[in-house]
Amino acid sequence: MNGSLYRSIRNSDLEAARTARFADDFFEFGRPKPAGDWRIRHCLPIDTEAYCAVVTPWKAYLKGASGWLPVREDPFDGLPEAYEAVGLPTPDPLTLDAWHDDFRIIEQERLIPPLMRAAIDRFSQDADAIFVRCYHGNDVHNWQIDRALFFELPDPFVEMPQPFGTITIFPRGTPWFMLNRDDEPILYLAGRAELVKALDRLAPGRFIRLQPNDRYY
């Protein structure tokens, strides 16, 4: 797509910038699994200190006598407000499994709040660029974008030449690694423990700490 902020690059250029270590059954390696068998360790690097999920805006539905009914017309930013809206206590601990059991979930814009973008930027070390790989059907796209420009974008996905599919994002040297699938309002992230701790503090109600064996949705 002409005019994109992202520049197409060769597969080898992206691989050279991606220094993380992945499991033998990492999803890119083409070993199919039943949908419910995918775990965080299959989708994010294994040589990292911590994992988390950050929720992006989403619409909540509950099943009623006439089918799935919206909790409200406007999307929710986090999870506790949705539980409050339907008169239910927020699960403790709050997990992806509990959230998906309690609601039907529809993704909205993949917005990343400014304070969260700033925190992730701080942990990008001295990287000059952000690299993106997008799996869309049978197509694989590799892109690069200037680091400073990437972190100016409230929704970095909408500017991508192909914004749909399974998308991985990381800085040169891979100090952190992000993954999003376009049909889930979740940003999966692996990185240093200090980064995950910062996101927990900056994203109350939107943050879920993960472990390698947790289910990937």
N, C-alpha and C. Protein backbone atom coordinates (compact mmCIF):
# COMPACT_ATOMS: atom_id res chain seq x y z
N MET A 1 0.86 -1.19 0.00
CA MET A 1 0.00 0.00 0.00
C MET A 1 0.89 1.24 0.00
N ASN A 2 0.70 2.08 -0.98
CA ASN A 2 1.49 3.29 -1.06
C ASN A 2 1.11 4.23 0.08
N GLY A 3 2.11 4.93 0.57
CA GLY A 3 1.85 5.92 1.61
C GLY A 3 1.81 5.35 3.00
N SER A 4 2.07 4.06 3.18
CA SER A 4 2.06 3.47 4.52
C SER A 4 3.23 3.98 5.33
N LEU A 5 3.04 4.08 6.63
CA LEU A 5 4.12 4.44 7.53
C LEU A 5 5.09 3.27 7.74
N TYR A 6 4.67 2.09 7.35
CA TYR A 6 5.48 0.89 7.50
C TYR A 6 6.15 0.55 6.17
N ARG A 7 7.41 0.16 6.22
CA ARG A 7 8.17 -0.18 5.03
C ARG A 7 8.35 -1.68 4.94
N SER A 8 8.06 -2.26 3.79
CA SER A 8 8.25 -3.68 3.59
C SER A 8 9.73 -4.02 3.60
N ILE A 9 10.07 -5.14 4.26
CA ILE A 9 11.45 -5.58 4.34
C ILE A 9 11.51 -7.07 4.02
N ARG A 10 12.71 -7.58 3.83
CA ARG A 10 12.90 -9.00 3.56
C ARG A 10 12.73 -9.80 4.85
N ASN A 11 12.37 -11.05 4.67
CA ASN A 11 12.25 -11.96 5.81
C ASN A 11 13.56 -12.03 6.58
N SER A 12 14.68 -12.07 5.87
CA SER A 12 15.99 -12.18 6.53
C SER A 12 16.31 -10.95 7.36
N ASP A 13 15.84 -9.78 6.94
CA ASP A 13 16.08 -8.56 7.71
C ASP A 13 15.34 -8.61 9.04
N LEU A 14 14.10 -9.09 9.01
CA LEU A 14 13.34 -9.20 10.25
C LEU A 14 13.98 -10.25 11.16
N GLU A 15 14.37 -11.38 10.60
CA GLU A 15 14.95 -12.44 11.42
C GLU A 15 16.24 -11.97 12.08
N ALA A 16 17.03 -11.14 11.38
CA ALA A 16 18.27 -10.65 11.96
C ALA A 16 18.01 -9.74 13.15
N ALA A 17 16.89 -9.04 13.15
CA ALA A 17 16.55 -8.12 14.24
C ALA A 17 15.89 -8.84 15.41
N ARG A 18 15.39 -10.04 15.18
CA ARG A 18 14.63 -10.79 16.19
C ARG A 18 15.54 -11.81 16.85
N THR A 19 16.08 -11.45 18.00
CA THR A 19 17.08 -12.30 18.65
C THR A 19 16.51 -13.15 19.78
N ALA A 20 15.22 -13.12 19.98
CA ALA A 20 14.60 -13.91 21.05
C ALA A 20 14.65 -15.40 20.72
N ARG A 21 14.47 -16.21 21.75
CA ARG A 21 14.43 -17.66 21.59
C ARG A 21 12.98 -18.14 21.75
N PHE A 22 12.57 -19.05 20.88
CA PHE A 22 11.20 -19.55 20.88
C PHE A 22 11.18 -21.06 21.08
N ALA A 23 10.06 -21.56 21.56
CA ALA A 23 9.90 -22.99 21.77
C ALA A 23 9.92 -23.73 20.43
N ASP A 24 10.22 -25.02 20.49
CA ASP A 24 10.23 -25.82 19.26
C ASP A 24 8.86 -25.85 18.59
N ASP A 25 7.80 -25.69 19.39
CA ASP A 25 6.45 -25.68 18.82
C ASP A 25 5.86 -24.26 18.78
N PHE A 26 6.72 -23.26 18.62
CA PHE A 26 6.28 -21.88 18.38
C PHE A 26 5.34 -21.85 17.17
N PHE A 27 4.32 -21.02 17.22
CA PHE A 27 3.26 -21.08 16.21
C PHE A 27 3.77 -20.86 14.80
N GLU A 28 4.85 -20.11 14.63
CA GLU A 28 5.38 -19.85 13.29
C GLU A 28 5.94 -21.10 12.62
N PHE A 29 6.26 -22.11 13.42
CA PHE A 29 6.95 -23.28 12.87
C PHE A 29 6.01 -24.28 12.23
N GLY A 30 4.72 -23.95 12.18
CA GLY A 30 3.79 -24.71 11.37
C GLY A 30 3.33 -26.02 11.94
N ARG A 31 3.29 -26.14 13.27
CA ARG A 31 2.80 -27.37 13.89
C ARG A 31 1.38 -27.13 14.40
N PRO A 32 0.37 -27.58 13.69
CA PRO A 32 -1.01 -27.27 14.07
C PRO A 32 -1.42 -27.90 15.39
N LYS A 33 -2.32 -27.20 16.08
CA LYS A 33 -2.89 -27.69 17.33
C LYS A 33 -4.38 -27.38 17.33
N PRO A 34 -5.18 -28.14 18.08
CA PRO A 34 -6.57 -27.72 18.30
C PRO A 34 -6.60 -26.35 18.97
N ALA A 35 -7.60 -25.55 18.69
CA ALA A 35 -7.64 -24.16 19.17
C ALA A 35 -7.43 -24.07 20.67
N GLY A 36 -8.03 -24.96 21.44
CA GLY A 36 -7.93 -24.88 22.89
C GLY A 36 -6.60 -25.31 23.46
N ASP A 37 -5.72 -25.84 22.62
CA ASP A 37 -4.43 -26.35 23.10
C ASP A 37 -3.31 -25.31 23.03
N TRP A 38 -3.55 -24.16 22.42
CA TRP A 38 -2.50 -23.16 22.31
C TRP A 38 -2.25 -22.51 23.67
N ARG A 39 -0.98 -22.38 24.01
CA ARG A 39 -0.56 -21.79 25.27
C ARG A 39 0.36 -20.60 25.00
N ILE A 40 0.55 -19.78 26.02
CA ILE A 40 1.39 -18.59 25.88
C ILE A 40 2.78 -18.97 25.39
N ARG A 41 3.32 -20.08 25.85
CA ARG A 41 4.68 -20.47 25.45
C ARG A 41 4.78 -20.80 23.97
N HIS A 42 3.65 -21.07 23.31
CA HIS A 42 3.65 -21.36 21.88
C HIS A 42 3.65 -20.09 21.04
N CYS A 43 3.41 -18.95 21.67
CA CYS A 43 3.15 -17.72 20.90
C CYS A 43 4.08 -16.57 21.23
N LEU A 44 4.82 -16.67 22.35
CA LEU A 44 5.72 -15.61 22.79
C LEU A 44 7.10 -16.22 23.08
N PRO A 45 8.14 -15.41 23.15
CA PRO A 45 9.47 -15.94 23.43
C PRO A 45 9.52 -16.68 24.77
N ILE A 46 10.42 -17.64 24.85
CA ILE A 46 10.56 -18.39 26.10
C ILE A 46 11.75 -17.91 26.93
N ASP A 47 12.60 -17.06 26.37
CA ASP A 47 13.75 -16.53 27.11
C ASP A 47 13.46 -15.13 27.63
N THR A 48 12.36 -15.00 28.35
CA THR A 48 11.93 -13.70 28.84
C THR A 48 11.62 -13.81 30.33
N GLU A 49 11.48 -12.67 30.99
CA GLU A 49 11.26 -12.67 32.44
C GLU A 49 9.79 -12.76 32.83
N ALA A 50 8.91 -12.16 32.04
CA ALA A 50 7.51 -12.07 32.47
C ALA A 50 6.60 -11.93 31.26
N TYR A 51 5.32 -12.28 31.48
CA TYR A 51 4.30 -12.22 30.44
C TYR A 51 3.06 -11.50 30.99
N CYS A 52 2.34 -10.84 30.08
CA CYS A 52 1.07 -10.23 30.49
C CYS A 52 0.18 -10.06 29.27
N ALA A 53 -1.08 -9.77 29.56
CA ALA A 53 -2.04 -9.39 28.53
C ALA A 53 -2.60 -8.03 28.91
N VAL A 54 -2.74 -7.17 27.92
CA VAL A 54 -3.37 -5.86 28.11
C VAL A 54 -4.61 -5.81 27.23
N VAL A 55 -5.73 -5.48 27.83
CA VAL A 55 -7.01 -5.46 27.12
C VAL A 55 -7.17 -4.14 26.39
N THR A 56 -7.56 -4.22 25.12
CA THR A 56 -7.91 -3.04 24.34
C THR A 56 -9.43 -2.89 24.33
N PRO A 57 -9.98 -1.76 23.88
CA PRO A 57 -11.43 -1.56 23.94
C PRO A 57 -12.22 -2.74 23.34
N TRP A 58 -13.32 -3.08 24.01
CA TRP A 58 -14.09 -4.26 23.61
C TRP A 58 -15.56 -4.06 23.94
N LYS A 59 -16.41 -4.79 23.24
CA LYS A 59 -17.84 -4.80 23.54
C LYS A 59 -18.20 -6.12 24.20
N ALA A 60 -19.07 -6.03 25.21
CA ALA A 60 -19.46 -7.18 26.01
C ALA A 60 -20.89 -7.60 25.67
N TYR A 61 -21.08 -8.91 25.56
CA TYR A 61 -22.40 -9.47 25.30
C TYR A 61 -22.68 -10.57 26.33
N LEU A 62 -23.94 -10.68 26.75
CA LEU A 62 -24.39 -11.75 27.61
C LEU A 62 -25.49 -12.53 26.89
N LYS A 63 -25.54 -13.82 27.15
CA LYS A 63 -26.54 -14.64 26.49
C LYS A 63 -27.88 -14.51 27.20
N GLY A 64 -28.91 -14.15 26.44
CA GLY A 64 -30.27 -14.04 26.97
C GLY A 64 -31.20 -15.01 26.28
N ALA A 65 -32.48 -14.90 26.60
CA ALA A 65 -33.46 -15.83 26.02
C ALA A 65 -33.54 -15.69 24.51
N SER A 66 -33.27 -14.50 23.99
CA SER A 66 -33.36 -14.27 22.55
C SER A 66 -31.99 -14.24 21.87
N GLY A 67 -30.96 -14.70 22.57
CA GLY A 67 -29.63 -14.72 21.97
C GLY A 67 -28.66 -13.83 22.72
N TRP A 68 -27.57 -13.49 22.06
CA TRP A 68 -26.55 -12.66 22.68
C TRP A 68 -26.96 -11.19 22.65
N LEU A 69 -26.96 -10.57 23.83
CA LEU A 69 -27.42 -9.19 23.96
C LEU A 69 -26.27 -8.31 24.44
N PRO A 70 -26.11 -7.12 23.87
CA PRO A 70 -25.02 -6.24 24.31
C PRO A 70 -25.28 -5.73 25.72
N VAL A 71 -24.23 -5.67 26.51
CA VAL A 71 -24.34 -5.10 27.86
C VAL A 71 -24.63 -3.61 27.76
N ARG A 72 -23.99 -2.94 26.82
CA ARG A 72 -24.26 -1.53 26.51
C ARG A 72 -23.75 -1.26 25.11
N GLU A 73 -24.13 -0.14 24.55
CA GLU A 73 -23.72 0.17 23.18
C GLU A 73 -22.26 0.59 23.10
N ASP A 74 -21.79 1.33 24.10
CA ASP A 74 -20.41 1.80 24.07
C ASP A 74 -19.46 0.70 24.51
N PRO A 75 -18.26 0.68 23.93
CA PRO A 75 -17.28 -0.33 24.35
C PRO A 75 -16.75 -0.07 25.75
N PHE A 76 -16.22 -1.09 26.35
CA PHE A 76 -15.53 -0.97 27.64
C PHE A 76 -14.03 -0.85 27.38
N ASP A 77 -13.37 -0.10 28.26
CA ASP A 77 -11.91 -0.03 28.19
C ASP A 77 -11.27 -1.16 28.98
N GLY A 78 -11.85 -1.47 30.13
CA GLY A 78 -11.28 -2.51 30.98
C GLY A 78 -12.30 -3.57 31.31
N LEU A 79 -11.99 -4.38 32.32
CA LEU A 79 -12.84 -5.50 32.69
C LEU A 79 -13.73 -5.23 33.90
N PRO A 80 -13.24 -4.62 34.99
CA PRO A 80 -14.11 -4.42 36.16
C PRO A 80 -15.37 -3.63 35.84
N GLU A 81 -15.29 -2.66 34.93
CA GLU A 81 -16.49 -1.86 34.63
C GLU A 81 -17.55 -2.70 33.94
N ALA A 82 -17.15 -3.71 33.18
CA ALA A 82 -18.13 -4.59 32.55
C ALA A 82 -18.82 -5.46 33.59
N TYR A 83 -18.04 -6.00 34.52
CA TYR A 83 -18.65 -6.80 35.59
C TYR A 83 -19.59 -5.94 36.44
N GLU A 84 -19.18 -4.71 36.71
CA GLU A 84 -20.04 -3.81 37.49
C GLU A 84 -21.34 -3.53 36.75
N ALA A 85 -21.25 -3.39 35.42
CA ALA A 85 -22.44 -3.07 34.62
C ALA A 85 -23.48 -4.18 34.66
N VAL A 86 -23.05 -5.42 34.86
CA VAL A 86 -24.00 -6.53 34.90
C VAL A 86 -24.23 -7.03 36.33
N GLY A 87 -23.70 -6.30 37.31
CA GLY A 87 -23.94 -6.64 38.71
C GLY A 87 -23.21 -7.86 39.20
N LEU A 88 -22.06 -8.16 38.61
CA LEU A 88 -21.27 -9.31 39.02
C LEU A 88 -19.95 -8.84 39.64
N PRO A 89 -19.43 -9.57 40.61
CA PRO A 89 -18.11 -9.22 41.15
C PRO A 89 -17.03 -9.54 40.13
N THR A 90 -15.99 -8.73 40.12
CA THR A 90 -14.85 -9.02 39.25
C THR A 90 -14.12 -10.23 39.79
N PRO A 91 -13.83 -11.22 38.97
CA PRO A 91 -13.14 -12.42 39.45
C PRO A 91 -11.80 -12.08 40.10
N ASP A 92 -11.47 -12.83 41.12
CA ASP A 92 -10.19 -12.66 41.80
C ASP A 92 -9.59 -14.05 42.04
N PRO A 93 -8.56 -14.41 41.28
CA PRO A 93 -7.83 -13.55 40.35
C PRO A 93 -8.58 -13.37 39.03
N LEU A 94 -8.29 -12.25 38.39
CA LEU A 94 -8.86 -11.96 37.08
C LEU A 94 -7.99 -12.64 36.02
N THR A 95 -8.59 -13.53 35.24
CA THR A 95 -7.85 -14.29 34.24
C THR A 95 -8.54 -14.20 32.88
N LEU A 96 -7.80 -14.53 31.84
CA LEU A 96 -8.40 -14.58 30.51
C LEU A 96 -9.49 -15.64 30.46
N ASP A 97 -9.28 -16.76 31.13
CA ASP A 97 -10.28 -17.82 31.12
C ASP A 97 -11.60 -17.34 31.73
N ALA A 98 -11.53 -16.68 32.89
CA ALA A 98 -12.75 -16.19 33.55
C ALA A 98 -13.47 -15.18 32.67
N TRP A 99 -12.72 -14.26 32.10
CA TRP A 99 -13.32 -13.23 31.24
C TRP A 99 -14.05 -13.87 30.06
N HIS A 100 -13.41 -14.83 29.40
CA HIS A 100 -14.04 -15.47 28.24
C HIS A 100 -15.20 -16.37 28.64
N ASP A 101 -15.18 -16.90 29.84
CA ASP A 101 -16.31 -17.69 30.31
C ASP A 101 -17.53 -16.82 30.59
N ASP A 102 -17.30 -15.59 31.05
CA ASP A 102 -18.39 -14.74 31.53
C ASP A 102 -19.03 -13.88 30.44
N PHE A 103 -18.31 -13.60 29.37
CA PHE A 103 -18.81 -12.70 28.34
C PHE A 103 -18.52 -13.26 26.95
N ARG A 104 -19.36 -12.85 26.01
CA ARG A 104 -18.96 -12.92 24.61
C ARG A 104 -18.26 -11.59 24.30
N ILE A 105 -17.13 -11.66 23.63
CA ILE A 105 -16.23 -10.50 23.53
C ILE A 105 -16.05 -10.14 22.05
N ILE A 106 -16.24 -8.87 21.75
CA ILE A 106 -16.04 -8.37 20.39
C ILE A 106 -15.00 -7.26 20.43
N GLU A 107 -13.96 -7.41 19.63
CA GLU A 107 -12.88 -6.43 19.63
C GLU A 107 -13.33 -5.11 18.99
N GLN A 108 -12.68 -4.02 19.41
CA GLN A 108 -12.92 -2.70 18.84
C GLN A 108 -11.56 -2.14 18.38
N GLU A 109 -11.37 -0.84 18.47
CA GLU A 109 -10.08 -0.27 18.10
C GLU A 109 -8.98 -0.81 19.01
N ARG A 110 -7.80 -1.01 18.44
CA ARG A 110 -6.68 -1.51 19.23
C ARG A 110 -5.84 -0.33 19.74
N LEU A 111 -6.46 0.43 20.61
CA LEU A 111 -5.82 1.64 21.13
C LEU A 111 -4.89 1.31 22.28
N ILE A 112 -3.71 1.94 22.28
CA ILE A 112 -2.76 1.80 23.37
C ILE A 112 -2.62 3.17 24.03
N PRO A 113 -3.03 3.32 25.29
CA PRO A 113 -2.99 4.63 25.95
C PRO A 113 -1.57 5.21 25.99
N PRO A 114 -1.46 6.55 26.01
CA PRO A 114 -0.13 7.20 25.96
C PRO A 114 0.83 6.74 27.04
N LEU A 115 0.37 6.60 28.28
CA LEU A 115 1.28 6.20 29.35
C LEU A 115 1.81 4.79 29.13
N MET A 116 0.99 3.92 28.60
CA MET A 116 1.45 2.58 28.31
C MET A 116 2.44 2.58 27.16
N ARG A 117 2.18 3.37 26.12
CA ARG A 117 3.13 3.46 25.01
C ARG A 117 4.47 3.98 25.51
N ALA A 118 4.43 4.97 26.40
CA ALA A 118 5.67 5.54 26.93
C ALA A 118 6.44 4.51 27.73
N ALA A 119 5.74 3.68 28.51
CA ALA A 119 6.42 2.66 29.31
C ALA A 119 7.09 1.62 28.41
N ILE A 120 6.38 1.18 27.39
CA ILE A 120 6.95 0.19 26.47
C ILE A 120 8.14 0.80 25.73
N ASP A 121 8.03 2.06 25.35
CA ASP A 121 9.13 2.74 24.67
C ASP A 121 10.38 2.77 25.55
N ARG A 122 10.20 3.05 26.84
CA ARG A 122 11.34 3.13 27.75
C ARG A 122 12.11 1.81 27.83
N PHE A 123 11.41 0.71 27.62
CA PHE A 123 12.06 -0.59 27.70
C PHE A 123 12.48 -1.12 26.33
N SER A 124 12.54 -0.24 25.35
CA SER A 124 12.99 -0.63 24.02
C SER A 124 14.49 -0.51 23.86
N GLN A 125 15.19 -0.20 24.96
CA GLN A 125 16.63 -0.05 24.98
C GLN A 125 17.06 0.97 23.92
N ASP A 126 18.08 0.67 23.14
CA ASP A 126 18.56 1.65 22.16
C ASP A 126 18.11 1.30 20.75
N ALA A 127 17.03 0.55 20.62
CA ALA A 127 16.54 0.16 19.30
C ALA A 127 16.18 1.38 18.46
N ASP A 128 16.51 1.34 17.20
CA ASP A 128 16.18 2.43 16.28
C ASP A 128 14.88 2.19 15.54
N ALA A 129 14.44 0.92 15.50
CA ALA A 129 13.28 0.57 14.67
C ALA A 129 12.43 -0.49 15.36
N ILE A 130 11.17 -0.53 14.93
CA ILE A 130 10.22 -1.56 15.36
C ILE A 130 9.92 -2.44 14.15
N PHE A 131 9.88 -3.75 14.38
CA PHE A 131 9.66 -4.71 13.31
C PHE A 131 8.32 -5.41 13.52
N VAL A 132 7.66 -5.70 12.41
CA VAL A 132 6.32 -6.27 12.45
C VAL A 132 6.25 -7.44 11.46
N ARG A 133 5.67 -8.53 11.93
CA ARG A 133 5.35 -9.64 11.02
C ARG A 133 3.86 -9.91 11.12
N CYS A 134 3.21 -9.99 9.98
CA CYS A 134 1.76 -10.20 9.92
C CYS A 134 1.46 -11.47 9.13
N TYR A 135 0.71 -12.37 9.78
CA TYR A 135 0.20 -13.56 9.11
C TYR A 135 -1.27 -13.31 8.79
N HIS A 136 -1.57 -13.26 7.51
CA HIS A 136 -2.95 -13.02 7.07
C HIS A 136 -3.30 -14.08 6.04
N GLY A 137 -4.09 -15.07 6.48
CA GLY A 137 -4.35 -16.20 5.59
C GLY A 137 -3.04 -16.92 5.28
N ASN A 138 -2.77 -17.11 4.00
CA ASN A 138 -1.52 -17.76 3.58
C ASN A 138 -0.40 -16.76 3.33
N ASP A 139 -0.67 -15.48 3.53
CA ASP A 139 0.32 -14.44 3.25
C ASP A 139 1.09 -14.09 4.52
N VAL A 140 2.38 -13.80 4.35
CA VAL A 140 3.22 -13.33 5.44
C VAL A 140 3.85 -12.01 5.01
N HIS A 141 3.68 -10.97 5.84
CA HIS A 141 4.22 -9.65 5.54
C HIS A 141 5.23 -9.28 6.61
N ASN A 142 6.33 -8.68 6.21
CA ASN A 142 7.35 -8.19 7.12
C ASN A 142 7.53 -6.69 6.89
N TRP A 143 7.46 -5.91 7.98
CA TRP A 143 7.58 -4.46 7.87
C TRP A 143 8.52 -3.90 8.93
N GLN A 144 8.91 -2.68 8.69
CA GLN A 144 9.74 -1.94 9.64
C GLN A 144 9.21 -0.51 9.73
N ILE A 145 9.30 0.08 10.94
CA ILE A 145 8.87 1.45 11.14
C ILE A 145 9.82 2.11 12.13
N ASP A 146 10.05 3.38 11.98
CA ASP A 146 10.88 4.11 12.91
C ASP A 146 10.30 4.02 14.31
N ARG A 147 11.15 3.78 15.28
CA ARG A 147 10.69 3.60 16.66
C ARG A 147 9.89 4.80 17.16
N ALA A 148 10.41 6.00 16.99
CA ALA A 148 9.72 7.19 17.50
C ALA A 148 8.35 7.34 16.85
N LEU A 149 8.26 7.06 15.56
CA LEU A 149 6.99 7.19 14.86
C LEU A 149 6.00 6.15 15.36
N PHE A 150 6.46 4.94 15.58
CA PHE A 150 5.57 3.89 16.07
C PHE A 150 4.90 4.30 17.37
N PHE A 151 5.66 4.86 18.29
CA PHE A 151 5.11 5.17 19.60
C PHE A 151 4.29 6.46 19.60
N GLU A 152 4.22 7.15 18.48
CA GLU A 152 3.31 8.28 18.35
C GLU A 152 1.90 7.84 17.98
N LEU A 153 1.73 6.60 17.56
CA LEU A 153 0.46 6.12 17.01
C LEU A 153 -0.43 5.56 18.12
N PRO A 154 -1.60 6.14 18.36
CA PRO A 154 -2.52 5.58 19.36
C PRO A 154 -2.95 4.16 19.02
N ASP A 155 -3.18 3.91 17.72
CA ASP A 155 -3.52 2.58 17.23
C ASP A 155 -2.51 2.23 16.13
N PRO A 156 -1.42 1.56 16.47
CA PRO A 156 -0.40 1.29 15.46
C PRO A 156 -0.84 0.27 14.43
N PHE A 157 -1.91 -0.45 14.69
CA PHE A 157 -2.37 -1.49 13.76
C PHE A 157 -3.10 -0.90 12.56
N VAL A 158 -3.89 0.12 12.79
CA VAL A 158 -4.72 0.66 11.72
C VAL A 158 -3.87 1.25 10.59
N GLU A 159 -2.63 1.64 10.89
CA GLU A 159 -1.75 2.20 9.88
C GLU A 159 -0.98 1.14 9.10
N MET A 160 -1.09 -0.11 9.49
CA MET A 160 -0.33 -1.15 8.81
C MET A 160 -0.92 -1.43 7.43
N PRO A 161 -0.08 -1.80 6.46
CA PRO A 161 -0.61 -2.11 5.12
C PRO A 161 -1.67 -3.21 5.13
N GLN A 162 -1.53 -4.18 6.03
CA GLN A 162 -2.55 -5.20 6.26
C GLN A 162 -2.78 -5.27 7.77
N PRO A 163 -3.84 -4.64 8.27
CA PRO A 163 -4.03 -4.54 9.72
C PRO A 163 -4.68 -5.76 10.36
N PHE A 164 -5.02 -6.78 9.56
CA PHE A 164 -5.73 -7.94 10.08
C PHE A 164 -4.84 -9.17 10.06
N GLY A 165 -5.20 -10.14 10.89
CA GLY A 165 -4.43 -11.36 10.98
C GLY A 165 -3.77 -11.49 12.34
N THR A 166 -2.76 -12.34 12.41
CA THR A 166 -1.95 -12.50 13.62
C THR A 166 -0.69 -11.68 13.43
N ILE A 167 -0.45 -10.73 14.34
CA ILE A 167 0.60 -9.74 14.15
C ILE A 167 1.55 -9.78 15.33
N THR A 168 2.84 -9.89 15.05
CA THR A 168 3.86 -9.80 16.09
C THR A 168 4.67 -8.53 15.88
N ILE A 169 5.08 -7.91 17.00
CA ILE A 169 5.75 -6.62 16.98
C ILE A 169 6.89 -6.67 18.00
N PHE A 170 8.04 -6.13 17.63
CA PHE A 170 9.17 -6.10 18.56
C PHE A 170 10.20 -5.08 18.08
N PRO A 171 11.01 -4.53 19.00
CA PRO A 171 12.10 -3.65 18.61
C PRO A 171 13.33 -4.48 18.19
N ARG A 172 14.25 -3.81 17.51
CA ARG A 172 15.50 -4.48 17.17
C ARG A 172 16.17 -5.02 18.45
N GLY A 173 16.56 -6.27 18.43
CA GLY A 173 17.15 -6.88 19.61
C GLY A 173 16.15 -7.56 20.53
N THR A 174 14.88 -7.34 20.32
CA THR A 174 13.77 -8.01 21.01
C THR A 174 13.79 -7.86 22.53
N PRO A 175 13.95 -6.63 23.07
CA PRO A 175 13.81 -6.48 24.53
C PRO A 175 12.37 -6.71 25.00
N TRP A 176 11.40 -6.58 24.10
CA TRP A 176 10.03 -7.00 24.38
C TRP A 176 9.43 -7.54 23.09
N PHE A 177 8.33 -8.27 23.23
CA PHE A 177 7.69 -8.92 22.08
C PHE A 177 6.19 -8.86 22.30
N MET A 178 5.46 -8.34 21.32
CA MET A 178 4.01 -8.18 21.42
C MET A 178 3.33 -9.00 20.34
N LEU A 179 2.16 -9.54 20.68
CA LEU A 179 1.36 -10.29 19.71
C LEU A 179 -0.10 -9.90 19.84
N ASN A 180 -0.75 -9.77 18.70
CA ASN A 180 -2.20 -9.51 18.67
C ASN A 180 -2.82 -10.31 17.54
N ARG A 181 -4.00 -10.87 17.83
CA ARG A 181 -4.81 -11.48 16.78
C ARG A 181 -6.04 -10.60 16.59
N ASP A 182 -6.38 -10.29 15.37
CA ASP A 182 -7.35 -9.21 15.12
C ASP A 182 -8.75 -9.49 15.65
N ASP A 183 -9.06 -10.75 16.00
CA ASP A 183 -10.41 -11.04 16.51
C ASP A 183 -10.46 -11.16 18.03
N GLU A 184 -9.40 -10.71 18.72
CA GLU A 184 -9.38 -10.68 20.17
C GLU A 184 -8.84 -9.32 20.64
N PRO A 185 -9.52 -8.67 21.60
CA PRO A 185 -9.04 -7.36 22.10
C PRO A 185 -7.95 -7.52 23.15
N ILE A 186 -6.88 -8.20 22.77
CA ILE A 186 -5.81 -8.51 23.70
C ILE A 186 -4.46 -8.23 23.06
N LEU A 187 -3.60 -7.51 23.77
CA LEU A 187 -2.21 -7.39 23.40
C LEU A 187 -1.42 -8.29 24.34
N TYR A 188 -0.86 -9.35 23.80
CA TYR A 188 0.02 -10.23 24.57
C TYR A 188 1.41 -9.64 24.55
N LEU A 189 2.08 -9.65 25.69
CA LEU A 189 3.40 -9.04 25.75
C LEU A 189 4.34 -9.84 26.63
N ALA A 190 5.56 -10.01 26.14
CA ALA A 190 6.64 -10.65 26.89
C ALA A 190 7.79 -9.65 27.01
N GLY A 191 8.42 -9.60 28.18
CA GLY A 191 9.52 -8.67 28.36
C GLY A 191 10.10 -8.75 29.75
N ARG A 192 10.82 -7.73 30.11
CA ARG A 192 11.43 -7.69 31.44
C ARG A 192 10.36 -7.57 32.52
N ALA A 193 10.68 -8.10 33.70
CA ALA A 193 9.73 -8.04 34.81
C ALA A 193 9.37 -6.61 35.17
N GLU A 194 10.33 -5.71 35.05
CA GLU A 194 10.07 -4.29 35.37
C GLU A 194 9.05 -3.68 34.42
N LEU A 195 9.09 -4.07 33.15
CA LEU A 195 8.10 -3.57 32.19
C LEU A 195 6.71 -4.08 32.54
N VAL A 196 6.60 -5.37 32.81
CA VAL A 196 5.29 -5.94 33.16
C VAL A 196 4.76 -5.31 34.44
N LYS A 197 5.62 -5.07 35.40
CA LYS A 197 5.20 -4.41 36.63
C LYS A 197 4.70 -3.00 36.35
N ALA A 198 5.38 -2.27 35.46
CA ALA A 198 4.95 -0.91 35.11
C ALA A 198 3.59 -0.93 34.44
N LEU A 199 3.35 -1.88 33.55
CA LEU A 199 2.06 -1.96 32.87
C LEU A 199 0.94 -2.31 33.85
N ASP A 200 1.24 -3.14 34.82
CA ASP A 200 0.26 -3.46 35.87
C ASP A 200 -0.16 -2.19 36.60
N ARG A 201 0.80 -1.32 36.88
CA ARG A 201 0.51 -0.07 37.60
C ARG A 201 -0.24 0.92 36.71
N LEU A 202 0.08 0.95 35.42
CA LEU A 202 -0.47 1.96 34.52
C LEU A 202 -1.81 1.55 33.90
N ALA A 203 -2.14 0.28 33.97
CA ALA A 203 -3.35 -0.20 33.28
C ALA A 203 -4.27 -0.95 34.23
N PRO A 204 -4.70 -0.33 35.32
CA PRO A 204 -5.61 -1.03 36.24
C PRO A 204 -6.91 -1.42 35.53
N GLY A 205 -7.30 -2.66 35.74
CA GLY A 205 -8.53 -3.15 35.10
C GLY A 205 -8.33 -3.64 33.69
N ARG A 206 -7.16 -3.39 33.11
CA ARG A 206 -6.89 -3.82 31.73
C ARG A 206 -5.73 -4.80 31.66
N PHE A 207 -5.11 -5.04 32.80
CA PHE A 207 -3.88 -5.83 32.86
C PHE A 207 -4.15 -7.20 33.45
N ILE A 208 -3.61 -8.25 32.83
CA ILE A 208 -3.70 -9.61 33.35
C ILE A 208 -2.31 -10.23 33.26
N ARG A 209 -1.79 -10.64 34.40
CA ARG A 209 -0.48 -11.31 34.39
C ARG A 209 -0.66 -12.73 33.88
N LEU A 210 0.30 -13.20 33.09
CA LEU A 210 0.21 -14.51 32.47
C LEU A 210 1.41 -15.38 32.85
N GLN A 211 1.20 -16.68 32.70
CA GLN A 211 2.26 -17.67 32.86
C GLN A 211 2.40 -18.46 31.55
N PRO A 212 3.54 -19.09 31.32
CA PRO A 212 3.77 -19.77 30.04
C PRO A 212 2.71 -20.81 29.68
N ASN A 213 2.11 -21.47 30.68
CA ASN A 213 1.13 -22.51 30.39
C ASN A 213 -0.31 -22.01 30.33
N ASP A 214 -0.53 -20.70 30.50
CA ASP A 214 -1.88 -20.15 30.37
C ASP A 214 -2.35 -20.27 28.93
N ARG A 215 -3.66 -20.35 28.78
CA ARG A 215 -4.23 -20.51 27.44
C ARG A 215 -4.07 -19.23 26.63
N TYR A 216 -3.76 -19.40 25.36
CA TYR A 216 -3.74 -18.30 24.39
C TYR A 216 -5.06 -18.30 23.64
N TYR A 217 -5.73 -17.14 23.62
CA TYR A 217 -7.02 -17.02 22.92
C TYR A 217 -6.81 -16.35 21.57
